[in-house]
PDB file of N, CA and C in Angstrom:
ATOM      1  N   UNK A   1     -10.721  17.429  -3.041  1.00  0.00           N
ATOM      2  CA  UNK A   1     -11.999  17.637  -2.381  1.00  0.00           C
ATOM      3  C   UNK A   1     -12.767  16.370  -2.430  1.00  0.00           C
ATOM      4  N   UNK A   2     -13.134  15.839  -1.264  1.00  0.00           N
ATOM      5  CA  UNK A   2     -13.856  14.582  -1.209  1.00  0.00           C
ATOM      6  C   UNK A   2     -15.306  14.840  -0.756  1.00  0.00           C
ATOM      7  N   UNK A   3     -16.167  14.088  -1.354  1.00  0.00           N
ATOM      8  CA  UNK A   3     -17.582  14.254  -1.013  1.00  0.00           C
ATOM      9  C   UNK A   3     -18.077  12.967  -0.403  1.00  0.00           C
ATOM     10  N   UNK A   4     -18.731  13.116   0.722  1.00  0.00           N
ATOM     11  CA  UNK A   4     -19.360  11.924   1.338  1.00  0.00           C
ATOM     12  C   UNK A   4     -20.693  11.636   0.671  1.00  0.00           C
ATOM     13  N   UNK A   5     -21.130  12.468  -0.193  1.00  0.00           N
ATOM     14  CA  UNK A   5     -22.409  12.236  -0.892  1.00  0.00           C
ATOM     15  C   UNK A   5     -22.287  11.154  -2.007  1.00  0.00           C
ATOM     16  N   UNK A   6     -21.084  11.033  -2.591  1.00  0.00           N
ATOM     17  CA  UNK A   6     -20.934  10.028  -3.615  1.00  0.00           C
ATOM     18  C   UNK A   6     -21.103   8.599  -3.080  1.00  0.00           C
ATOM     19  N   UNK A   7     -20.394   8.170  -1.994  1.00  0.00           N
ATOM     20  CA  UNK A   7     -20.568   6.851  -1.622  1.00  0.00           C
ATOM     21  C   UNK A   7     -21.989   6.603  -1.041  1.00  0.00           C
ATOM     22  N   UNK A   8     -22.546   7.567  -0.425  1.00  0.00           N
ATOM     23  CA  UNK A   8     -23.900   7.459   0.087  1.00  0.00           C
ATOM     24  C   UNK A   8     -24.907   7.213  -1.049  1.00  0.00           C
ATOM     25  N   UNK A   9     -24.791   7.957  -2.061  1.00  0.00           N
ATOM     26  CA  UNK A   9     -25.749   7.807  -3.162  1.00  0.00           C
ATOM     27  C   UNK A   9     -25.532   6.533  -3.934  1.00  0.00           C
ATOM     28  N   UNK A  10     -24.288   6.082  -4.057  1.00  0.00           N
ATOM     29  CA  UNK A  10     -23.970   4.795  -4.675  1.00  0.00           C
ATOM     30  C   UNK A  10     -24.455   3.612  -3.847  1.00  0.00           C
ATOM     31  N   UNK A  11     -24.276   3.671  -2.558  1.00  0.00           N
ATOM     32  CA  UNK A  11     -24.782   2.627  -1.624  1.00  0.00           C
ATOM     33  C   UNK A  11     -26.318   2.605  -1.646  1.00  0.00           C
ATOM     34  N   UNK A  12     -26.963   3.751  -1.610  1.00  0.00           N
ATOM     35  CA  UNK A  12     -28.390   3.774  -1.721  1.00  0.00           C
ATOM     36  C   UNK A  12     -28.906   3.195  -3.045  1.00  0.00           C
ATOM     37  N   UNK A  13     -28.153   3.495  -4.112  1.00  0.00           N
ATOM     38  CA  UNK A  13     -28.516   2.947  -5.407  1.00  0.00           C
ATOM     39  C   UNK A  13     -28.337   1.475  -5.422  1.00  0.00           C
ATOM     40  N   UNK A  14     -27.316   0.930  -4.809  1.00  0.00           N
ATOM     41  CA  UNK A  14     -27.126  -0.475  -4.769  1.00  0.00           C
ATOM     42  C   UNK A  14     -28.227  -1.181  -3.957  1.00  0.00           C
ATOM     43  N   UNK A  15     -28.642  -0.561  -2.809  1.00  0.00           N
ATOM     44  CA  UNK A  15     -29.751  -1.135  -2.120  1.00  0.00           C
ATOM     45  C   UNK A  15     -31.011  -1.097  -2.885  1.00  0.00           C
ATOM     46  N   UNK A  16     -31.253  -0.078  -3.632  1.00  0.00           N
ATOM     47  CA  UNK A  16     -32.461   0.001  -4.458  1.00  0.00           C
ATOM     48  C   UNK A  16     -32.406  -1.032  -5.579  1.00  0.00           C
ATOM     49  N   UNK A  17     -31.250  -1.211  -6.190  1.00  0.00           N
ATOM     50  CA  UNK A  17     -31.120  -2.207  -7.229  1.00  0.00           C
ATOM     51  C   UNK A  17     -31.339  -3.608  -6.679  1.00  0.00           C
ATOM     52  N   UNK A  18     -30.827  -3.872  -5.498  1.00  0.00           N
ATOM     53  CA  UNK A  18     -31.093  -5.147  -4.859  1.00  0.00           C
ATOM     54  C   UNK A  18     -32.574  -5.368  -4.645  1.00  0.00           C
ATOM     55  N   UNK A  19     -33.259  -4.328  -4.148  1.00  0.00           N
ATOM     56  CA  UNK A  19     -34.664  -4.406  -3.866  1.00  0.00           C
ATOM     57  C   UNK A  19     -35.462  -4.686  -5.128  1.00  0.00           C
ATOM     58  N   UNK A  20     -34.963  -4.146  -6.258  1.00  0.00           N
ATOM     59  CA  UNK A  20     -35.643  -4.345  -7.518  1.00  0.00           C
ATOM     60  C   UNK A  20     -35.283  -5.659  -8.192  1.00  0.00           C
ATOM     61  N   UNK A  21     -34.317  -6.424  -7.583  1.00  0.00           N
ATOM     62  CA  UNK A  21     -33.962  -7.677  -8.175  1.00  0.00           C
ATOM     63  C   UNK A  21     -32.799  -7.551  -9.185  1.00  0.00           C
ATOM     64  N   UNK A  22     -32.189  -6.430  -9.317  1.00  0.00           N
ATOM     65  CA  UNK A  22     -31.125  -6.204 -10.282  1.00  0.00           C
ATOM     66  C   UNK A  22     -29.811  -6.405  -9.541  1.00  0.00           C
ATOM     67  N   UNK A  23     -29.457  -7.605  -9.205  1.00  0.00           N
ATOM     68  CA  UNK A  23     -28.324  -7.920  -8.349  1.00  0.00           C
ATOM     69  C   UNK A  23     -26.977  -7.654  -9.036  1.00  0.00           C
ATOM     70  N   UNK A  24     -26.884  -7.871 -10.351  1.00  0.00           N
ATOM     71  CA  UNK A  24     -25.647  -7.595 -11.057  1.00  0.00           C
ATOM     72  C   UNK A  24     -25.370  -6.161 -11.069  1.00  0.00           C
ATOM     73  N   UNK A  25     -26.335  -5.293 -11.293  1.00  0.00           N
ATOM     74  CA  UNK A  25     -26.156  -3.817 -11.260  1.00  0.00           C
ATOM     75  C   UNK A  25     -25.773  -3.412  -9.811  1.00  0.00           C
ATOM     76  N   UNK A  26     -26.407  -4.027  -8.859  1.00  0.00           N
ATOM     77  CA  UNK A  26     -26.108  -3.699  -7.411  1.00  0.00           C
ATOM     78  C   UNK A  26     -24.629  -4.077  -7.117  1.00  0.00           C
ATOM     79  N   UNK A  27     -24.187  -5.176  -7.678  1.00  0.00           N
ATOM     80  CA  UNK A  27     -22.818  -5.570  -7.443  1.00  0.00           C
ATOM     81  C   UNK A  27     -21.811  -4.528  -7.986  1.00  0.00           C
ATOM     82  N   UNK A  28     -22.040  -4.055  -9.201  1.00  0.00           N
ATOM     83  CA  UNK A  28     -21.144  -3.041  -9.719  1.00  0.00           C
ATOM     84  C   UNK A  28     -21.340  -1.677  -9.011  1.00  0.00           C
ATOM     85  N   UNK A  29     -22.464  -1.382  -8.540  1.00  0.00           N
ATOM     86  CA  UNK A  29     -22.608  -0.164  -7.729  1.00  0.00           C
ATOM     87  C   UNK A  29     -21.882  -0.264  -6.419  1.00  0.00           C
ATOM     88  N   UNK A  30     -21.865  -1.441  -5.827  1.00  0.00           N
ATOM     89  CA  UNK A  30     -21.091  -1.607  -4.624  1.00  0.00           C
ATOM     90  C   UNK A  30     -19.610  -1.505  -4.824  1.00  0.00           C
ATOM     91  N   UNK A  31     -19.132  -1.990  -5.999  1.00  0.00           N
ATOM     92  CA  UNK A  31     -17.719  -1.844  -6.355  1.00  0.00           C
ATOM     93  C   UNK A  31     -17.365  -0.368  -6.545  1.00  0.00           C
ATOM     94  N   UNK A  32     -18.254   0.397  -7.123  1.00  0.00           N
ATOM     95  CA  UNK A  32     -18.031   1.886  -7.258  1.00  0.00           C
ATOM     96  C   UNK A  32     -18.077   2.574  -5.931  1.00  0.00           C
ATOM     97  N   UNK A  33     -18.977   2.014  -5.017  1.00  0.00           N
ATOM     98  CA  UNK A  33     -19.071   2.579  -3.655  1.00  0.00           C
ATOM     99  C   UNK A  33     -17.732   2.390  -2.903  1.00  0.00           C
ATOM    100  N   UNK A  34     -17.045   1.303  -3.115  1.00  0.00           N
ATOM    101  CA  UNK A  34     -15.769   1.145  -2.469  1.00  0.00           C
ATOM    102  C   UNK A  34     -14.823   2.201  -2.832  1.00  0.00           C
ATOM    103  N   UNK A  35     -14.804   2.586  -4.074  1.00  0.00           N
ATOM    104  CA  UNK A  35     -13.853   3.616  -4.531  1.00  0.00           C
ATOM    105  C   UNK A  35     -14.252   4.973  -3.975  1.00  0.00           C
ATOM    106  N   UNK A  36     -15.518   5.310  -3.945  1.00  0.00           N
ATOM    107  CA  UNK A  36     -15.989   6.524  -3.359  1.00  0.00           C
ATOM    108  C   UNK A  36     -15.791   6.605  -1.843  1.00  0.00           C
ATOM    109  N   UNK A  37     -16.012   5.479  -1.176  1.00  0.00           N
ATOM    110  CA  UNK A  37     -15.828   5.427   0.272  1.00  0.00           C
ATOM    111  C   UNK A  37     -14.371   5.591   0.642  1.00  0.00           C
ATOM    112  N   UNK A  38     -13.472   4.980  -0.164  1.00  0.00           N
ATOM    113  CA  UNK A  38     -12.056   5.091   0.058  1.00  0.00           C
ATOM    114  C   UNK A  38     -11.597   6.559  -0.087  1.00  0.00           C
ATOM    115  N   UNK A  39     -12.114   7.205  -1.107  1.00  0.00           N
ATOM    116  CA  UNK A  39     -11.738   8.619  -1.335  1.00  0.00           C
ATOM    117  C   UNK A  39     -12.227   9.504  -0.169  1.00  0.00           C
ATOM    118  N   UNK A  40     -13.487   9.213   0.292  1.00  0.00           N
ATOM    119  CA  UNK A  40     -14.010  10.019   1.372  1.00  0.00           C
ATOM    120  C   UNK A  40     -13.239   9.741   2.706  1.00  0.00           C
ATOM    121  N   UNK A  41     -12.818   8.513   2.884  1.00  0.00           N
ATOM    122  CA  UNK A  41     -12.038   8.161   4.073  1.00  0.00           C
ATOM    123  C   UNK A  41     -10.669   8.819   4.058  1.00  0.00           C
ATOM    124  N   UNK A  42     -10.018   8.810   2.885  1.00  0.00           N
ATOM    125  CA  UNK A  42      -8.677   9.400   2.800  1.00  0.00           C
ATOM    126  C   UNK A  42      -8.751  10.926   3.032  1.00  0.00           C
ATOM    127  N   UNK A  43      -9.787  11.557   2.503  1.00  0.00           N
ATOM    128  CA  UNK A  43      -9.943  12.933   2.718  1.00  0.00           C
ATOM    129  C   UNK A  43     -10.247  13.221   4.168  1.00  0.00           C
ATOM    130  N   UNK A  44     -11.128  12.488   4.773  1.00  0.00           N
ATOM    131  CA  UNK A  44     -11.485  12.719   6.186  1.00  0.00           C
ATOM    132  C   UNK A  44     -10.301  12.553   7.127  1.00  0.00           C
ATOM    133  N   UNK A  45      -9.514  11.523   6.903  1.00  0.00           N
ATOM    134  CA  UNK A  45      -8.314  11.306   7.736  1.00  0.00           C
ATOM    135  C   UNK A  45      -7.279  12.397   7.428  1.00  0.00           C
ATOM    136  N   UNK A  46      -7.097  12.768   6.224  1.00  0.00           N
ATOM    137  CA  UNK A  46      -6.168  13.824   5.833  1.00  0.00           C
ATOM    138  C   UNK A  46      -6.576  15.151   6.527  1.00  0.00           C
ATOM    139  N   UNK A  47      -7.857  15.429   6.524  1.00  0.00           N
ATOM    140  CA  UNK A  47      -8.332  16.699   7.193  1.00  0.00           C
ATOM    141  C   UNK A  47      -8.025  16.667   8.669  1.00  0.00           C
ATOM    142  N   UNK A  48      -8.188  15.545   9.330  1.00  0.00           N
ATOM    143  CA  UNK A  48      -7.856  15.437  10.728  1.00  0.00           C
ATOM    144  C   UNK A  48      -6.379  15.616  10.988  1.00  0.00           C
ATOM    145  N   UNK A  49      -5.509  15.041  10.101  1.00  0.00           N
ATOM    146  CA  UNK A  49      -4.117  15.199  10.245  1.00  0.00           C
ATOM    147  C   UNK A  49      -3.636  16.624  10.047  1.00  0.00           C
ATOM    148  N   UNK A  50      -4.400  17.336   9.180  1.00  0.00           N
ATOM    149  CA  UNK A  50      -4.040  18.779   8.957  1.00  0.00           C
ATOM    150  C   UNK A  50      -4.649  19.660   9.959  1.00  0.00           C
ATOM    151  N   UNK A  51      -5.554  19.171  10.777  1.00  0.00           N
ATOM    152  CA  UNK A  51      -6.239  19.923  11.805  1.00  0.00           C
ATOM    153  C   UNK A  51      -7.445  20.720  11.300  1.00  0.00           C
ATOM    154  N   UNK A  52      -7.975  20.276  10.118  1.00  0.00           N
ATOM    155  CA  UNK A  52      -9.114  20.967   9.534  1.00  0.00           C
ATOM    156  C   UNK A  52     -10.428  20.305   9.783  1.00  0.00           C
ATOM    157  N   UNK A  53     -10.439  19.053  10.053  1.00  0.00           N
ATOM    158  CA  UNK A  53     -11.651  18.230  10.118  1.00  0.00           C
ATOM    159  C   UNK A  53     -11.952  17.698  11.495  1.00  0.00           C
ATOM    160  N   UNK A  54     -13.093  17.166  11.663  1.00  0.00           N
ATOM    161  CA  UNK A  54     -13.474  16.523  12.925  1.00  0.00           C
ATOM    162  C   UNK A  54     -13.123  15.063  12.925  1.00  0.00           C
ATOM    163  N   UNK A  55     -12.814  14.563  14.115  1.00  0.00           N
ATOM    164  CA  UNK A  55     -12.464  13.138  14.298  1.00  0.00           C
ATOM    165  C   UNK A  55     -13.655  12.259  14.006  1.00  0.00           C
ATOM    166  N   UNK A  56     -14.836  12.697  14.360  1.00  0.00           N
ATOM    167  CA  UNK A  56     -16.020  11.891  14.149  1.00  0.00           C
ATOM    168  C   UNK A  56     -16.240  11.584  12.664  1.00  0.00           C
ATOM    169  N   UNK A  57     -16.037  12.633  11.861  1.00  0.00           N
ATOM    170  CA  UNK A  57     -16.204  12.460  10.404  1.00  0.00           C
ATOM    171  C   UNK A  57     -15.195  11.445   9.870  1.00  0.00           C
ATOM    172  N   UNK A  58     -13.965  11.578  10.244  1.00  0.00           N
ATOM    173  CA  UNK A  58     -12.898  10.679   9.805  1.00  0.00           C
ATOM    174  C   UNK A  58     -13.205   9.235  10.282  1.00  0.00           C
ATOM    175  N   UNK A  59     -13.564   9.079  11.539  1.00  0.00           N
ATOM    176  CA  UNK A  59     -13.812   7.778  12.052  1.00  0.00           C
ATOM    177  C   UNK A  59     -14.981   7.099  11.374  1.00  0.00           C
ATOM    178  N   UNK A  60     -16.049   7.834  11.122  1.00  0.00           N
ATOM    179  CA  UNK A  60     -17.213   7.194  10.532  1.00  0.00           C
ATOM    180  C   UNK A  60     -16.964   6.881   9.086  1.00  0.00           C
ATOM    181  N   UNK A  61     -16.141   7.664   8.391  1.00  0.00           N
ATOM    182  CA  UNK A  61     -15.850   7.298   6.954  1.00  0.00           C
ATOM    183  C   UNK A  61     -14.980   6.100   6.881  1.00  0.00           C
ATOM    184  N   UNK A  62     -14.043   5.932   7.875  1.00  0.00           N
ATOM    185  CA  UNK A  62     -13.195   4.764   7.823  1.00  0.00           C
ATOM    186  C   UNK A  62     -13.973   3.471   8.184  1.00  0.00           C
ATOM    187  N   UNK A  63     -14.895   3.630   9.218  1.00  0.00           N
ATOM    188  CA  UNK A  63     -15.731   2.460   9.539  1.00  0.00           C
ATOM    189  C   UNK A  63     -16.713   2.156   8.335  1.00  0.00           C
ATOM    190  N   UNK A  64     -17.181   3.162   7.695  1.00  0.00           N
ATOM    191  CA  UNK A  64     -18.077   2.912   6.556  1.00  0.00           C
ATOM    192  C   UNK A  64     -17.320   2.204   5.444  1.00  0.00           C
ATOM    193  N   UNK A  65     -16.060   2.603   5.217  1.00  0.00           N
ATOM    194  CA  UNK A  65     -15.236   1.993   4.173  1.00  0.00           C
ATOM    195  C   UNK A  65     -15.017   0.475   4.489  1.00  0.00           C
ATOM    196  N   UNK A  66     -14.749   0.178   5.762  1.00  0.00           N
ATOM    197  CA  UNK A  66     -14.511  -1.187   6.160  1.00  0.00           C
ATOM    198  C   UNK A  66     -15.788  -2.030   5.962  1.00  0.00           C
ATOM    199  N   UNK A  67     -16.960  -1.424   6.273  1.00  0.00           N
ATOM    200  CA  UNK A  67     -18.173  -2.163   6.089  1.00  0.00           C
ATOM    201  C   UNK A  67     -18.503  -2.406   4.616  1.00  0.00           C
ATOM    202  N   UNK A  68     -18.275  -1.405   3.827  1.00  0.00           N
ATOM    203  CA  UNK A  68     -18.507  -1.555   2.381  1.00  0.00           C
ATOM    204  C   UNK A  68     -17.535  -2.626   1.832  1.00  0.00           C
ATOM    205  N   UNK A  69     -16.282  -2.583   2.240  1.00  0.00           N
ATOM    206  CA  UNK A  69     -15.354  -3.610   1.738  1.00  0.00           C
ATOM    207  C   UNK A  69     -15.770  -5.014   2.166  1.00  0.00           C
ATOM    208  N   UNK A  70     -16.151  -5.190   3.437  1.00  0.00           N
ATOM    209  CA  UNK A  70     -16.638  -6.496   3.838  1.00  0.00           C
ATOM    210  C   UNK A  70     -17.856  -6.970   3.122  1.00  0.00           C
ATOM    211  N   UNK A  71     -18.823  -6.020   2.966  1.00  0.00           N
ATOM    212  CA  UNK A  71     -20.059  -6.426   2.227  1.00  0.00           C
ATOM    213  C   UNK A  71     -19.744  -6.743   0.783  1.00  0.00           C
ATOM    214  N   UNK A  72     -18.797  -6.024   0.147  1.00  0.00           N
ATOM    215  CA  UNK A  72     -18.445  -6.345  -1.189  1.00  0.00           C
ATOM    216  C   UNK A  72     -17.820  -7.702  -1.321  1.00  0.00           C
ATOM    217  N   UNK A  73     -16.893  -8.038  -0.360  1.00  0.00           N
ATOM    218  CA  UNK A  73     -16.258  -9.363  -0.367  1.00  0.00           C
ATOM    219  C   UNK A  73     -17.251 -10.466  -0.184  1.00  0.00           C
ATOM    220  N   UNK A  74     -18.200 -10.300   0.726  1.00  0.00           N
ATOM    221  CA  UNK A  74     -19.211 -11.314   0.962  1.00  0.00           C
ATOM    222  C   UNK A  74     -20.081 -11.470  -0.342  1.00  0.00           C
ATOM    223  N   UNK A  75     -20.451 -10.343  -0.905  1.00  0.00           N
ATOM    224  CA  UNK A  75     -21.296 -10.366  -2.138  1.00  0.00           C
ATOM    225  C   UNK A  75     -20.528 -11.076  -3.301  1.00  0.00           C
ATOM    226  N   UNK A  76     -19.247 -10.780  -3.426  1.00  0.00           N
ATOM    227  CA  UNK A  76     -18.494 -11.376  -4.502  1.00  0.00           C
ATOM    228  C   UNK A  76     -18.270 -12.865  -4.325  1.00  0.00           C
ATOM    229  N   UNK A  77     -18.186 -13.325  -3.063  1.00  0.00           N
ATOM    230  CA  UNK A  77     -18.004 -14.719  -2.778  1.00  0.00           C
ATOM    231  C   UNK A  77     -19.246 -15.581  -2.779  1.00  0.00           C
ATOM    232  N   UNK A  78     -20.402 -14.922  -2.942  1.00  0.00           N
ATOM    233  CA  UNK A  78     -21.647 -15.735  -2.969  1.00  0.00           C
ATOM    234  C   UNK A  78     -21.820 -16.475  -4.247  1.00  0.00           C
ATOM    235  N   UNK A  79     -22.371 -17.629  -4.178  1.00  0.00           N
ATOM    236  CA  UNK A  79     -22.578 -18.418  -5.401  1.00  0.00           C
ATOM    237  C   UNK A  79     -23.554 -17.762  -6.309  1.00  0.00           C
ATOM    238  N   UNK A  80     -23.375 -17.820  -7.605  1.00  0.00           N
ATOM    239  CA  UNK A  80     -24.330 -17.173  -8.544  1.00  0.00           C
ATOM    240  C   UNK A  80     -25.606 -18.002  -8.573  1.00  0.00           C
ATOM    241  N   UNK A  81     -26.703 -17.274  -8.751  1.00  0.00           N
ATOM    242  CA  UNK A  81     -27.955 -17.909  -8.742  1.00  0.00           C
ATOM    243  C   UNK A  81     -28.658 -18.003  -7.378  1.00  0.00           C
ATOM    244  N   UNK A  82     -27.919 -17.704  -6.337  1.00  0.00           N
ATOM    245  CA  UNK A  82     -28.489 -17.696  -5.012  1.00  0.00           C
ATOM    246  C   UNK A  82     -28.805 -16.250  -4.546  1.00  0.00           C
ATOM    247  N   UNK A  83     -29.655 -16.090  -3.577  1.00  0.00           N
ATOM    248  CA  UNK A  83     -29.936 -14.732  -3.146  1.00  0.00           C
ATOM    249  C   UNK A  83     -28.729 -14.041  -2.569  1.00  0.00           C
ATOM    250  N   UNK A  84     -28.795 -12.711  -2.507  1.00  0.00           N
ATOM    251  CA  UNK A  84     -27.674 -11.936  -1.970  1.00  0.00           C
ATOM    252  C   UNK A  84     -27.584 -12.257  -0.487  1.00  0.00           C
ATOM    253  N   UNK A  85     -26.354 -12.441   0.026  1.00  0.00           N
ATOM    254  CA  UNK A  85     -26.212 -12.724   1.478  1.00  0.00           C
ATOM    255  C   UNK A  85     -26.745 -11.572   2.298  1.00  0.00           C
ATOM    256  N   UNK A  86     -27.301 -11.930   3.407  1.00  0.00           N
ATOM    257  CA  UNK A  86     -27.922 -10.942   4.350  1.00  0.00           C
ATOM    258  C   UNK A  86     -26.797 -10.002   4.877  1.00  0.00           C
ATOM    259  N   UNK A  87     -25.623 -10.506   5.117  1.00  0.00           N
ATOM    260  CA  UNK A  87     -24.529  -9.710   5.612  1.00  0.00           C
ATOM    261  C   UNK A  87     -24.200  -8.604   4.620  1.00  0.00           C
ATOM    262  N   UNK A  88     -24.194  -8.888   3.359  1.00  0.00           N
ATOM    263  CA  UNK A  88     -23.831  -7.899   2.356  1.00  0.00           C
ATOM    264  C   UNK A  88     -24.790  -6.706   2.367  1.00  0.00           C
ATOM    265  N   UNK A  89     -26.065  -6.971   2.518  1.00  0.00           N
ATOM    266  CA  UNK A  89     -27.058  -5.905   2.589  1.00  0.00           C
ATOM    267  C   UNK A  89     -26.971  -5.184   3.949  1.00  0.00           C
ATOM    268  N   UNK A  90     -26.753  -5.967   5.040  1.00  0.00           N
ATOM    269  CA  UNK A  90     -26.666  -5.341   6.338  1.00  0.00           C
ATOM    270  C   UNK A  90     -25.432  -4.379   6.405  1.00  0.00           C
ATOM    271  N   UNK A  91     -24.346  -4.802   5.756  1.00  0.00           N
ATOM    272  CA  UNK A  91     -23.187  -4.006   5.729  1.00  0.00           C
ATOM    273  C   UNK A  91     -23.370  -2.703   5.011  1.00  0.00           C
ATOM    274  N   UNK A  92     -24.145  -2.712   3.956  1.00  0.00           N
ATOM    275  CA  UNK A  92     -24.488  -1.444   3.268  1.00  0.00           C
ATOM    276  C   UNK A  92     -25.339  -0.554   4.121  1.00  0.00           C
ATOM    277  N   UNK A  93     -26.281  -1.123   4.783  1.00  0.00           N
ATOM    278  CA  UNK A  93     -27.202  -0.347   5.650  1.00  0.00           C
ATOM    279  C   UNK A  93     -26.409   0.239   6.789  1.00  0.00           C
ATOM    280  N   UNK A  94     -25.499  -0.534   7.418  1.00  0.00           N
ATOM    281  CA  UNK A  94     -24.644  -0.015   8.474  1.00  0.00           C
ATOM    282  C   UNK A  94     -23.726   1.075   8.036  1.00  0.00           C
ATOM    283  N   UNK A  95     -23.193   0.892   6.805  1.00  0.00           N
ATOM    284  CA  UNK A  95     -22.308   1.959   6.236  1.00  0.00           C
ATOM    285  C   UNK A  95     -23.106   3.264   6.051  1.00  0.00           C
ATOM    286  N   UNK A  96     -24.352   3.184   5.613  1.00  0.00           N
ATOM    287  CA  UNK A  96     -25.196   4.368   5.425  1.00  0.00           C
ATOM    288  C   UNK A  96     -25.466   4.960   6.812  1.00  0.00           C
ATOM    289  N   UNK A  97     -25.636   4.109   7.840  1.00  0.00           N
ATOM    290  CA  UNK A  97     -25.860   4.725   9.195  1.00  0.00           C
ATOM    291  C   UNK A  97     -24.585   5.421   9.701  1.00  0.00           C
ATOM    292  N   UNK A  98     -23.423   4.859   9.321  1.00  0.00           N
ATOM    293  CA  UNK A  98     -22.192   5.513   9.698  1.00  0.00           C
ATOM    294  C   UNK A  98     -22.040   6.903   9.032  1.00  0.00           C
ATOM    295  N   UNK A  99     -22.446   7.012   7.782  1.00  0.00           N
ATOM    296  CA  UNK A  99     -22.402   8.250   7.132  1.00  0.00           C
ATOM    297  C   UNK A  99     -23.388   9.269   7.697  1.00  0.00           C
ATOM    298  N   UNK A 100     -24.492   8.778   8.254  1.00  0.00           N
ATOM    299  CA  UNK A 100     -25.518   9.644   8.797  1.00  0.00           C
ATOM    300  C   UNK A 100     -25.198  10.097  10.238  1.00  0.00           C
ATOM    301  N   UNK A 101     -24.261   9.391  10.908  1.00  0.00           N
ATOM    302  CA  UNK A 101     -24.002   9.693  12.323  1.00  0.00           C
ATOM    303  C   UNK A 101     -23.472  11.138  12.565  1.00  0.00           C
ATOM    304  N   UNK A 102     -22.585  11.700  11.734  1.00  0.00           N
ATOM    305  CA  UNK A 102     -22.196  13.119  11.975  1.00  0.00           C
ATOM    306  C   UNK A 102     -23.335  14.065  11.812  1.00  0.00           C
ATOM    307  N   UNK A 103     -24.285  13.771  10.927  1.00  0.00           N
ATOM    308  CA  UNK A 103     -25.418  14.609  10.749  1.00  0.00           C
ATOM    309  C   UNK A 103     -26.321  14.585  11.966  1.00  0.00           C
ATOM    310  N   UNK A 104     -26.483  13.416  12.521  1.00  0.00           N
ATOM    311  CA  UNK A 104     -27.323  13.287  13.692  1.00  0.00           C
ATOM    312  C   UNK A 104     -26.637  13.999  14.879  1.00  0.00           C
ATOM    313  N   UNK A 105     -25.340  13.837  15.016  1.00  0.00           N
ATOM    314  CA  UNK A 105     -24.661  14.548  16.141  1.00  0.00           C
ATOM    315  C   UNK A 105     -24.703  16.080  15.951  1.00  0.00           C
ATOM    316  N   UNK A 106     -24.642  16.533  14.706  1.00  0.00           N
ATOM    317  CA  UNK A 106     -24.791  17.943  14.421  1.00  0.00           C
ATOM    318  C   UNK A 106     -26.150  18.503  14.825  1.00  0.00           C
ATOM    319  N   UNK A 107     -27.192  17.681  14.508  1.00  0.00           N
ATOM    320  CA  UNK A 107     -28.543  18.110  14.871  1.00  0.00           C
ATOM    321  C   UNK A 107     -28.763  18.128  16.438  1.00  0.00           C
ATOM    322  N   UNK A 108     -28.142  17.198  17.122  1.00  0.00           N
ATOM    323  CA  UNK A 108     -28.400  17.021  18.535  1.00  0.00           C
ATOM    324  C   UNK A 108     -27.513  18.051  19.288  1.00  0.00           C
ATOM    325  N   UNK A 109     -26.320  18.373  18.810  1.00  0.00           N
ATOM    326  CA  UNK A 109     -25.420  19.207  19.573  1.00  0.00           C
ATOM    327  C   UNK A 109     -25.973  20.585  19.936  1.00  0.00           C
ATOM    328  N   UNK A 110     -26.679  21.298  19.111  1.00  0.00           N
ATOM    329  CA  UNK A 110     -27.191  22.631  19.509  1.00  0.00           C
ATOM    330  C   UNK A 110     -28.170  22.517  20.682  1.00  0.00           C
ATOM    331  N   UNK A 111     -28.921  21.427  20.800  1.00  0.00           N
ATOM    332  CA  UNK A 111     -29.894  21.271  21.900  1.00  0.00           C
ATOM    333  C   UNK A 111     -29.144  20.887  23.163  1.00  0.00           C
ATOM    334  N   UNK A 112     -27.992  20.278  23.049  1.00  0.00           N
ATOM    335  CA  UNK A 112     -27.236  19.880  24.274  1.00  0.00           C
ATOM    336  C   UNK A 112     -26.485  20.986  24.872  1.00  0.00           C
ATOM    337  N   UNK A 113     -26.107  22.030  24.084  1.00  0.00           N
ATOM    338  CA  UNK A 113     -25.279  23.141  24.597  1.00  0.00           C
ATOM    339  C   UNK A 113     -26.244  24.360  24.803  1.00  0.00           C
ATOM    340  N   UNK A 114     -26.499  24.702  26.037  1.00  0.00           N
ATOM    341  CA  UNK A 114     -27.390  25.844  26.294  1.00  0.00           C
ATOM    342  C   UNK A 114     -26.662  27.151  25.864  1.00  0.00           C
ATOM    343  N   UNK A 115     -27.428  28.048  25.302  1.00  0.00           N
ATOM    344  CA  UNK A 115     -26.902  29.343  24.881  1.00  0.00           C
ATOM    345  C   UNK A 115     -26.853  30.303  26.106  1.00  0.00           C
ATOM    346  N   UNK A 116     -25.763  31.072  26.216  1.00  0.00           N
ATOM    347  CA  UNK A 116     -25.725  32.023  27.377  1.00  0.00           C
ATOM    348  C   UNK A 116     -26.738  33.099  27.177  1.00  0.00           C
ATOM    349  N   UNK A 117     -27.285  33.489  28.324  1.00  0.00           N
ATOM    350  CA  UNK A 117     -28.360  34.538  28.327  1.00  0.00           C
ATOM    351  C   UNK A 117     -27.676  35.876  28.484  1.00  0.00           C
ATOM    352  N   UNK A 118     -27.977  36.813  27.548  1.00  0.00           N
ATOM    353  CA  UNK A 118     -27.325  38.142  27.683  1.00  0.00           C
ATOM    354  C   UNK A 118     -28.376  39.086  28.382  1.00  0.00           C
ATOM    355  N   UNK A 119     -27.894  39.960  29.248  1.00  0.00           N
ATOM    356  CA  UNK A 119     -28.795  40.861  29.977  1.00  0.00           C
ATOM    357  C   UNK A 119     -29.341  41.963  29.150  1.00  0.00           C
TER     358      UNK A 119
END
C-alpha cells in the first residue's frame, strides 16, 4: 500500500525547513522524500498495470519523482555555505503541484459532467 501523503508531507517539511534556515535538515528531508516518492510512483504505475488505478495519478507521481530527484541532485551539488539553489526549491514546489493535480481534477470533474435529470 502506497501513500501519496508521505512524500507530500516530507516535501512540505523540507520547504519549511529551508524557510527557517535549517538547510541541512531540509537536505535530509528531501532524501527521504525521494524514497517516499519512488514508493508512491511504483504503486501508482503498478495499479495502472493491474487496471485498478487512474493514469493521471500514475503520471503525476512519476513526474513528481523526477522533479524530486532533480531537485535533490541540484541541492547535493551546491557548494556548502552558499544559499540553496533556486531550482532545488522550485522542483519541490512543482512536485507538490504534481501531487495536487489529481485532487484538482477530482474537484473540477463533477462540475464538468452534468447530472441527468430524472422525471
